[in-house]
C-alpha atoms as a PDB file:
ATOM      1  CA  MET A   1     177.614 161.431 215.285  1.00  0.00           C
ATOM      2  CA  ASP A   2     178.115 157.659 215.278  1.00  0.00           C
ATOM      3  CA  SER A   3     178.541 157.639 211.523  1.00  0.00           C
ATOM      4  CA  VAL A   4     181.111 160.435 211.727  1.00  0.00           C
ATOM      5  CA  ARG A   5     183.015 158.570 214.455  1.00  0.00           C
ATOM      6  CA  GLN A   6     182.966 155.345 212.435  1.00  0.00           C
ATOM      7  CA  SER A   7     184.188 157.099 209.316  1.00  0.00           C
ATOM      8  CA  THR A   8     186.990 158.723 211.323  1.00  0.00           C
ATOM      9  CA  ASP A   9     188.095 155.370 212.757  1.00  0.00           C
ATOM     10  CA  SER A  10     188.019 153.769 209.342  1.00  0.00           C
ATOM     11  CA  VAL A  11     190.723 156.115 208.014  1.00  0.00           C
ATOM     12  CA  GLU A  12     193.071 155.764 210.959  1.00  0.00           C
ATOM     13  CA  VAL A  13     195.943 154.231 208.976  1.00  0.00           C
ATOM     14  CA  PRO A  14     196.655 155.332 205.400  1.00  0.00           C
ATOM     15  CA  PRO A  15     197.327 152.614 202.830  1.00  0.00           C
ATOM     16  CA  LYS A  16     200.887 151.521 202.249  1.00  0.00           C
ATOM     17  CA  GLY A  17     202.806 153.775 199.930  1.00  0.00           C
ATOM     18  CA  SER A  18     200.296 156.632 200.211  1.00  0.00           C
ATOM     19  CA  ARG A  19     202.719 158.681 202.322  1.00  0.00           C
ATOM     20  CA  LYS A  20     206.043 158.979 200.549  1.00  0.00           C
ATOM     21  CA  ILE A  21     208.842 157.761 202.777  1.00  0.00           C
ATOM     22  CA  TRP A  22     211.315 159.721 200.670  1.00  0.00           C
ATOM     23  CA  ASN A  23     210.140 162.997 202.229  1.00  0.00           C
ATOM     24  CA  ASP A  24     211.411 161.877 205.659  1.00  0.00           C
ATOM     25  CA  LEU A  25     214.900 160.861 204.510  1.00  0.00           C
ATOM     26  CA  PRO A  26     216.574 164.289 205.048  1.00  0.00           C
ATOM     27  CA  VAL A  27     215.408 164.333 208.680  1.00  0.00           C
ATOM     28  CA  LEU A  28     216.728 160.813 209.233  1.00  0.00           C
ATOM     29  CA  PHE A  29     220.055 161.692 207.601  1.00  0.00           C
ATOM     30  CA  LEU A  30     220.491 164.655 209.941  1.00  0.00           C
ATOM     31  CA  ALA A  31     220.105 162.335 212.937  1.00  0.00           C
ATOM     32  CA  LEU A  32     222.047 159.332 211.616  1.00  0.00           C
ATOM     33  CA  VAL A  33     225.176 160.985 210.216  1.00  0.00           C
ATOM     34  CA  PRO A  34     226.361 162.439 213.579  1.00  0.00           C
ATOM     35  CA  MET A  35     225.898 159.021 215.204  1.00  0.00           C
ATOM     36  CA  LEU A  36     228.366 157.497 212.747  1.00  0.00           C
ATOM     37  CA  ILE A  37     230.804 160.399 212.292  1.00  0.00           C
ATOM     38  CA  ILE A  38     230.845 162.563 215.432  1.00  0.00           C
ATOM     39  CA  VAL A  39     229.948 160.130 218.228  1.00  0.00           C
ATOM     40  CA  PRO A  40     232.707 157.537 217.501  1.00  0.00           C
ATOM     41  CA  VAL A  41     235.476 160.177 217.659  1.00  0.00           C
ATOM     42  CA  LEU A  42     234.437 161.735 220.964  1.00  0.00           C
ATOM     43  CA  PRO A  43     237.055 161.321 223.720  1.00  0.00           C
ATOM     44  CA  PRO A  44     236.591 158.276 225.992  1.00  0.00           C
ATOM     45  CA  ASP A  45     235.884 160.426 229.032  1.00  0.00           C
ATOM     46  CA  PRO A  46     232.746 160.417 231.188  1.00  0.00           C
ATOM     47  CA  SER A  47     232.312 164.082 230.241  1.00  0.00           C
ATOM     48  CA  SER A  48     231.526 163.076 226.643  1.00  0.00           C
ATOM     49  CA  ARG A  49     228.544 160.917 227.640  1.00  0.00           C
ATOM     50  CA  PRO A  50     226.031 163.833 227.645  1.00  0.00           C
ATOM     51  CA  PHE A  51     227.025 164.689 224.054  1.00  0.00           C
ATOM     52  CA  ILE A  52     226.431 161.088 222.991  1.00  0.00           C
ATOM     53  CA  LEU A  53     223.040 161.173 224.669  1.00  0.00           C
ATOM     54  CA  ILE A  54     222.123 164.419 222.894  1.00  0.00           C
ATOM     55  CA  PHE A  55     222.745 162.797 219.507  1.00  0.00           C
ATOM     56  CA  LEU A  56     220.854 159.689 220.640  1.00  0.00           C
ATOM     57  CA  THR A  57     217.900 161.844 221.663  1.00  0.00           C
ATOM     58  CA  LEU A  58     217.897 163.483 218.220  1.00  0.00           C
ATOM     59  CA  LEU A  59     217.900 160.011 216.662  1.00  0.00           C
ATOM     60  CA  PHE A  60     214.867 158.995 218.722  1.00  0.00           C
ATOM     61  CA  ILE A  61     213.029 162.186 217.766  1.00  0.00           C
ATOM     62  CA  ALA A  62     213.766 161.682 214.065  1.00  0.00           C
ATOM     63  CA  GLY A  63     212.686 158.044 214.266  1.00  0.00           C
ATOM     64  CA  ILE A  64     209.399 158.942 215.926  1.00  0.00           C
ATOM     65  CA  TYR A  65     208.806 161.627 213.302  1.00  0.00           C
ATOM     66  CA  GLY A  66     209.349 159.117 210.509  1.00  0.00           C
ATOM     67  CA  MET A  67     206.789 156.659 211.944  1.00  0.00           C
ATOM     68  CA  ARG A  68     203.934 159.100 212.342  1.00  0.00           C
ATOM     69  CA  GLY A  69     201.893 157.502 209.522  1.00  0.00           C
ATOM     70  CA  SER A  70     200.431 154.771 211.750  1.00  0.00           C
ATOM     71  CA  ARG A  71     198.963 155.418 215.185  1.00  0.00           C
ATOM     72  CA  ARG A  72     199.954 151.988 216.500  1.00  0.00           C
ATOM     73  CA  ARG A  73     203.544 152.191 215.266  1.00  0.00           C
ATOM     74  CA  PHE A  74     203.837 155.775 216.428  1.00  0.00           C
ATOM     75  CA  LEU A  75     202.620 154.896 219.922  1.00  0.00           C
ATOM     76  CA  LEU A  76     204.961 151.909 220.224  1.00  0.00           C
ATOM     77  CA  SER A  77     207.916 153.977 219.038  1.00  0.00           C
ATOM     78  CA  CYS A  78     207.078 156.687 221.581  1.00  0.00           C
ATOM     79  CA  ILE A  79     206.977 154.134 224.411  1.00  0.00           C
ATOM     80  CA  LEU A  80     210.315 152.554 223.442  1.00  0.00           C
ATOM     81  CA  ALA A  81     211.945 155.938 222.915  1.00  0.00           C
ATOM     82  CA  LEU A  82     210.671 157.331 226.209  1.00  0.00           C
ATOM     83  CA  ILE A  83     211.997 154.367 228.204  1.00  0.00           C
ATOM     84  CA  ALA A  84     215.343 154.441 226.413  1.00  0.00           C
ATOM     85  CA  ILE A  85     215.849 158.207 226.662  1.00  0.00           C
ATOM     86  CA  GLU A  86     215.024 158.309 230.361  1.00  0.00           C
ATOM     87  CA  THR A  87     217.327 155.364 231.088  1.00  0.00           C
ATOM     88  CA  PHE A  88     220.138 156.833 229.003  1.00  0.00           C
ATOM     89  CA  TRP A  89     219.992 160.184 230.777  1.00  0.00           C
ATOM     90  CA  VAL A  90     219.751 158.632 234.238  1.00  0.00           C
ATOM     91  CA  SER A  91     222.921 156.670 233.409  1.00  0.00           C
ATOM     92  CA  VAL A  92     224.835 159.971 233.244  1.00  0.00           C
ATOM     93  CA  TRP A  93     225.102 159.861 237.044  1.00  0.00           C
ATOM     94  CA  PRO A  94     228.173 157.821 238.072  1.00  0.00           C
ATOM     95  CA  SER A  95     226.181 155.754 240.555  1.00  0.00           C
ATOM     96  CA  ALA A  96     223.729 154.720 237.800  1.00  0.00           C
ATOM     97  CA  SER A  97     226.174 154.309 234.903  1.00  0.00           C
ATOM     98  CA  SER A  98     225.359 150.597 234.607  1.00  0.00           C
ATOM     99  CA  LEU A  99     221.876 151.562 233.343  1.00  0.00           C
ATOM    100  CA  PHE A 100     223.520 152.381 230.020  1.00  0.00           C
ATOM    101  CA  LEU A 101     223.232 148.702 229.049  1.00  0.00           C
ATOM    102  CA  PRO A 102     219.435 148.381 229.603  1.00  0.00           C
ATOM    103  CA  ALA A 103     219.030 151.639 227.687  1.00  0.00           C
ATOM    104  CA  GLU A 104     220.978 150.103 224.803  1.00  0.00           C
ATOM    105  CA  PHE A 105     218.544 147.185 224.775  1.00  0.00           C
ATOM    106  CA  PHE A 106     215.573 149.522 224.298  1.00  0.00           C
ATOM    107  CA  LEU A 107     217.540 151.382 221.615  1.00  0.00           C
ATOM    108  CA  PHE A 108     218.022 148.020 219.888  1.00  0.00           C
ATOM    109  CA  LEU A 109     214.266 147.356 220.008  1.00  0.00           C
ATOM    110  CA  PHE A 110     213.489 150.866 218.764  1.00  0.00           C
ATOM    111  CA  LEU A 111     215.851 150.534 215.806  1.00  0.00           C
ATOM    112  CA  GLY A 112     214.400 147.124 214.925  1.00  0.00           C
ATOM    113  CA  HIS A 113     210.890 148.575 215.007  1.00  0.00           C
ATOM    114  CA  MET A 114     212.057 151.513 212.934  1.00  0.00           C
ATOM    115  CA  ILE A 115     213.879 149.557 210.241  1.00  0.00           C
ATOM    116  CA  GLY A 116     210.965 147.142 209.838  1.00  0.00           C
ATOM    117  CA  TYR A 117     208.613 150.052 209.192  1.00  0.00           C
ATOM    118  CA  LEU A 118     211.019 151.696 206.740  1.00  0.00           C
ATOM    119  CA  VAL A 119     211.504 148.473 204.781  1.00  0.00           C
ATOM    120  CA  LEU A 120     207.744 148.002 204.395  1.00  0.00           C
ATOM    121  CA  GLU A 121     207.302 151.609 203.289  1.00  0.00           C
ATOM    122  CA  MET A 122     210.222 151.398 200.871  1.00  0.00           C
ATOM    123  CA  VAL A 123     208.866 148.218 199.285  1.00  0.00           C
ATOM    124  CA  SER A 124     205.430 149.746 198.713  1.00  0.00           C
ATOM    125  CA  SER A 125     206.525 153.254 197.661  1.00  0.00           C
ATOM    126  CA  ASP A 126     207.673 154.384 194.236  1.00  0.00           C
ATOM    127  CA  GLY A 127     210.571 156.780 193.853  1.00  0.00           C
ATOM    128  CA  GLY A 128     213.405 157.897 191.633  1.00  0.00           C
ATOM    129  CA  ILE A 129     216.956 156.615 191.563  1.00  0.00           C
ATOM    130  CA  MET A 130     218.205 159.147 194.106  1.00  0.00           C
ATOM    131  CA  ASP A 131     215.268 158.320 196.382  1.00  0.00           C
ATOM    132  CA  ILE A 132     216.111 154.624 196.245  1.00  0.00           C
ATOM    133  CA  ILE A 133     219.822 155.222 196.845  1.00  0.00           C
ATOM    134  CA  SER A 134     219.077 157.567 199.753  1.00  0.00           C
ATOM    135  CA  GLY A 135     216.601 155.107 201.242  1.00  0.00           C
ATOM    136  CA  THR A 136     219.137 152.298 200.959  1.00  0.00           C
ATOM    137  CA  ALA A 137     221.783 154.442 202.667  1.00  0.00           C
ATOM    138  CA  VAL A 138     219.374 155.178 205.533  1.00  0.00           C
ATOM    139  CA  LEU A 139     218.552 151.480 205.925  1.00  0.00           C
ATOM    140  CA  VAL A 140     222.261 150.597 205.963  1.00  0.00           C
ATOM    141  CA  MET A 141     222.999 153.245 208.603  1.00  0.00           C
ATOM    142  CA  ILE A 142     220.084 152.238 210.826  1.00  0.00           C
ATOM    143  CA  GLY A 143     220.877 148.554 210.379  1.00  0.00           C
ATOM    144  CA  GLY A 144     224.546 149.199 211.124  1.00  0.00           C
ATOM    145  CA  ILE A 145     223.765 151.127 214.301  1.00  0.00           C
ATOM    146  CA  MET A 146     221.381 148.362 215.346  1.00  0.00           C
ATOM    147  CA  LEU A 147     223.994 145.678 214.647  1.00  0.00           C
ATOM    148  CA  GLY A 148     226.692 147.642 216.467  1.00  0.00           C
ATOM    149  CA  THR A 149     224.400 148.056 219.463  1.00  0.00           C
ATOM    150  CA  GLY A 150     223.623 144.339 219.475  1.00  0.00           C
ATOM    151  CA  LEU A 151     227.309 143.420 219.225  1.00  0.00           C
ATOM    152  CA  HIS A 152     228.166 145.755 222.091  1.00  0.00           C
ATOM    153  CA  LEU A 153     225.444 144.224 224.242  1.00  0.00           C
ATOM    154  CA  SER A 154     226.541 140.694 223.375  1.00  0.00           C
ATOM    155  CA  ALA A 155     230.144 141.519 224.308  1.00  0.00           C
ATOM    156  CA  TRP A 156     229.095 142.665 227.784  1.00  0.00           C
ATOM    157  CA  ILE A 157     226.660 139.782 228.264  1.00  0.00           C
ATOM    158  CA  SER A 158     229.259 137.211 227.206  1.00  0.00           C
ATOM    159  CA  ARG A 159     231.990 138.980 229.214  1.00  0.00           C
ATOM    160  CA  THR A 160     234.369 139.002 226.241  1.00  0.00           C
ATOM    161  CA  VAL A 161     235.501 142.479 227.354  1.00  0.00           C
ATOM    162  CA  LEU A 162     236.345 143.868 230.771  1.00  0.00           C
ATOM    163  CA  TYR A 163     233.250 145.327 232.448  1.00  0.00           C
ATOM    164  CA  ASP A 164     233.829 148.990 233.285  1.00  0.00           C
ATOM    165  CA  PRO A 165     230.652 151.098 233.644  1.00  0.00           C
ATOM    166  CA  ALA A 166     232.665 154.290 233.196  1.00  0.00           C
ATOM    167  CA  LEU A 167     233.707 153.223 229.683  1.00  0.00           C
ATOM    168  CA  LEU A 168     230.389 151.834 228.441  1.00  0.00           C
ATOM    169  CA  HIS A 169     229.609 154.935 226.396  1.00  0.00           C
ATOM    170  CA  SER A 170     232.979 154.977 224.624  1.00  0.00           C
ATOM    171  CA  THR A 171     232.921 151.286 223.659  1.00  0.00           C
ATOM    172  CA  PHE A 172     229.321 151.726 222.502  1.00  0.00           C
ATOM    173  CA  ALA A 173     230.312 154.701 220.333  1.00  0.00           C
ATOM    174  CA  ARG A 174     233.126 152.764 218.671  1.00  0.00           C
ATOM    175  CA  SER A 175     230.844 149.825 217.910  1.00  0.00           C
ATOM    176  CA  LEU A 176     228.452 151.908 215.748  1.00  0.00           C
ATOM    177  CA  PRO A 177     230.618 152.372 212.621  1.00  0.00           C
ATOM    178  CA  GLU A 178     231.898 148.841 213.124  1.00  0.00           C
ATOM    179  CA  GLY A 179     228.299 147.634 212.910  1.00  0.00           C
ATOM    180  CA  VAL A 180     227.883 149.356 209.537  1.00  0.00           C
ATOM    181  CA  MET A 181     231.095 147.738 208.316  1.00  0.00           C
ATOM    182  CA  HIS A 182     229.968 144.263 209.434  1.00  0.00           C
ATOM    183  CA  LEU A 183     226.543 144.799 207.847  1.00  0.00           C
ATOM    184  CA  THR A 184     228.055 145.567 204.448  1.00  0.00           C
ATOM    185  CA  TRP A 185     231.373 143.693 204.423  1.00  0.00           C
ATOM    186  CA  GLY A 186     231.213 141.079 207.188  1.00  0.00           C
ATOM    187  CA  GLY A 187     234.216 140.123 209.306  1.00  0.00           C
ATOM    188  CA  GLU A 188     234.884 139.503 212.989  1.00  0.00           C
ATOM    189  CA  TYR A 189     233.986 141.730 215.915  1.00  0.00           C
ATOM    190  CA  SER A 190     237.000 143.479 217.458  1.00  0.00           C
ATOM    191  CA  SER A 191     235.843 142.982 221.073  1.00  0.00           C
ATOM    192  CA  GLY A 192     235.957 139.202 220.950  1.00  0.00           C
ATOM    193  CA  THR A 193     233.706 136.405 219.784  1.00  0.00           C
ATOM    194  CA  SER A 194     230.995 134.392 221.468  1.00  0.00           C
ATOM    195  CA  PRO A 195     228.097 132.249 220.217  1.00  0.00           C
ATOM    196  CA  LEU A 196     225.728 135.223 220.499  1.00  0.00           C
ATOM    197  CA  THR A 197     228.161 137.506 218.670  1.00  0.00           C
ATOM    198  CA  THR A 198     228.548 134.949 215.879  1.00  0.00           C
ATOM    199  CA  VAL A 199     224.776 134.708 215.449  1.00  0.00           C
ATOM    200  CA  LEU A 200     224.484 138.501 215.301  1.00  0.00           C
ATOM    201  CA  LEU A 201     227.263 138.766 212.723  1.00  0.00           C
ATOM    202  CA  MET A 202     225.670 136.096 210.518  1.00  0.00           C
ATOM    203  CA  THR A 203     222.252 137.731 210.837  1.00  0.00           C
ATOM    204  CA  GLY A 204     223.746 141.123 210.032  1.00  0.00           C
ATOM    205  CA  SER A 205     225.429 139.782 206.895  1.00  0.00           C
ATOM    206  CA  VAL A 206     222.148 138.280 205.686  1.00  0.00           C
ATOM    207  CA  CYS A 207     220.224 141.490 206.417  1.00  0.00           C
ATOM    208  CA  GLY A 208     222.860 143.567 204.633  1.00  0.00           C
ATOM    209  CA  PHE A 209     222.526 141.359 201.556  1.00  0.00           C
ATOM    210  CA  LEU A 210     218.724 141.654 201.667  1.00  0.00           C
ATOM    211  CA  ILE A 211     218.921 145.460 201.872  1.00  0.00           C
ATOM    212  CA  LEU A 212     221.176 145.575 198.813  1.00  0.00           C
ATOM    213  CA  ALA A 213     218.907 143.100 197.005  1.00  0.00           C
ATOM    214  CA  LEU A 214     215.910 145.298 197.803  1.00  0.00           C
ATOM    215  CA  ALA A 215     217.720 148.326 196.397  1.00  0.00           C
ATOM    216  CA  ALA A 216     218.663 146.428 193.235  1.00  0.00           C
ATOM    217  CA  GLY A 217     215.080 145.261 192.797  1.00  0.00           C
ATOM    218  CA  LYS A 218     213.700 148.778 193.248  1.00  0.00           C
ATOM    219  CA  ILE A 219     216.184 150.190 190.721  1.00  0.00           C
ATOM    220  CA  ALA A 220     215.381 147.423 188.221  1.00  0.00           C
ATOM    221  CA  GLY A 221     211.663 148.046 188.685  1.00  0.00           C
ATOM    222  CA  TYR A 222     212.171 151.773 188.167  1.00  0.00           C
ATOM    223  CA  TYR A 223     213.934 151.265 184.834  1.00  0.00           C
ATOM    224  CA  CYS A 224     211.378 148.670 183.717  1.00  0.00           C
ATOM    225  CA  LYS A 225     208.533 151.127 184.358  1.00  0.00           C
ATOM    226  CA  LYS A 226     210.464 153.914 182.675  1.00  0.00           C
ATOM    227  CA  SER A 227     211.208 151.864 179.563  1.00  0.00           C
ATOM    228  CA  GLY A 228     207.681 150.446 179.432  1.00  0.00           C
END
């Protein structure tokens, strides 16, 4: 029995690249696309907040599903997602609407954990051209949502915008596509600038360049293997 238990523990985490990340991309696309297309165009009314939270919940579920290859990463993602989801849904009540900001912070941590895992898997996994392009698109969308969330948080922390708990969800929704734009093209944040916002924008520009460089390297490696 001890030998069986030891052998079971020894295969807890599969080696990098053994589980193809490309198989999880359709699930991630289904959760990411509504966050960047549907959520930003919802009306800025408190009644639209539950719809935003539904799409956020789907994003958390898809992210947890994509990190199921490692028990440690899966457990950490579940903890972050559980805290964020509960805080987001409690913030629906008008008296607790200010909890939307702490929930955004845990969303930021979850997305950072998620994109780090996806980058490692993408580096160590082999795939075709469409796989690489799809993986790059997913990384850009996740990175853009993460950057938009960070910019929204920095705007409220730095008080560069008027604090109104009733409008937190609408300003958050508008910052998501803006985060993707800043990740890929750069520029200034529409809600004002502060030292923290400037640092986030510079970091986002560097990360966007690294994602594109990773994609170019994967494509070059694919053609080198194919020609060799």
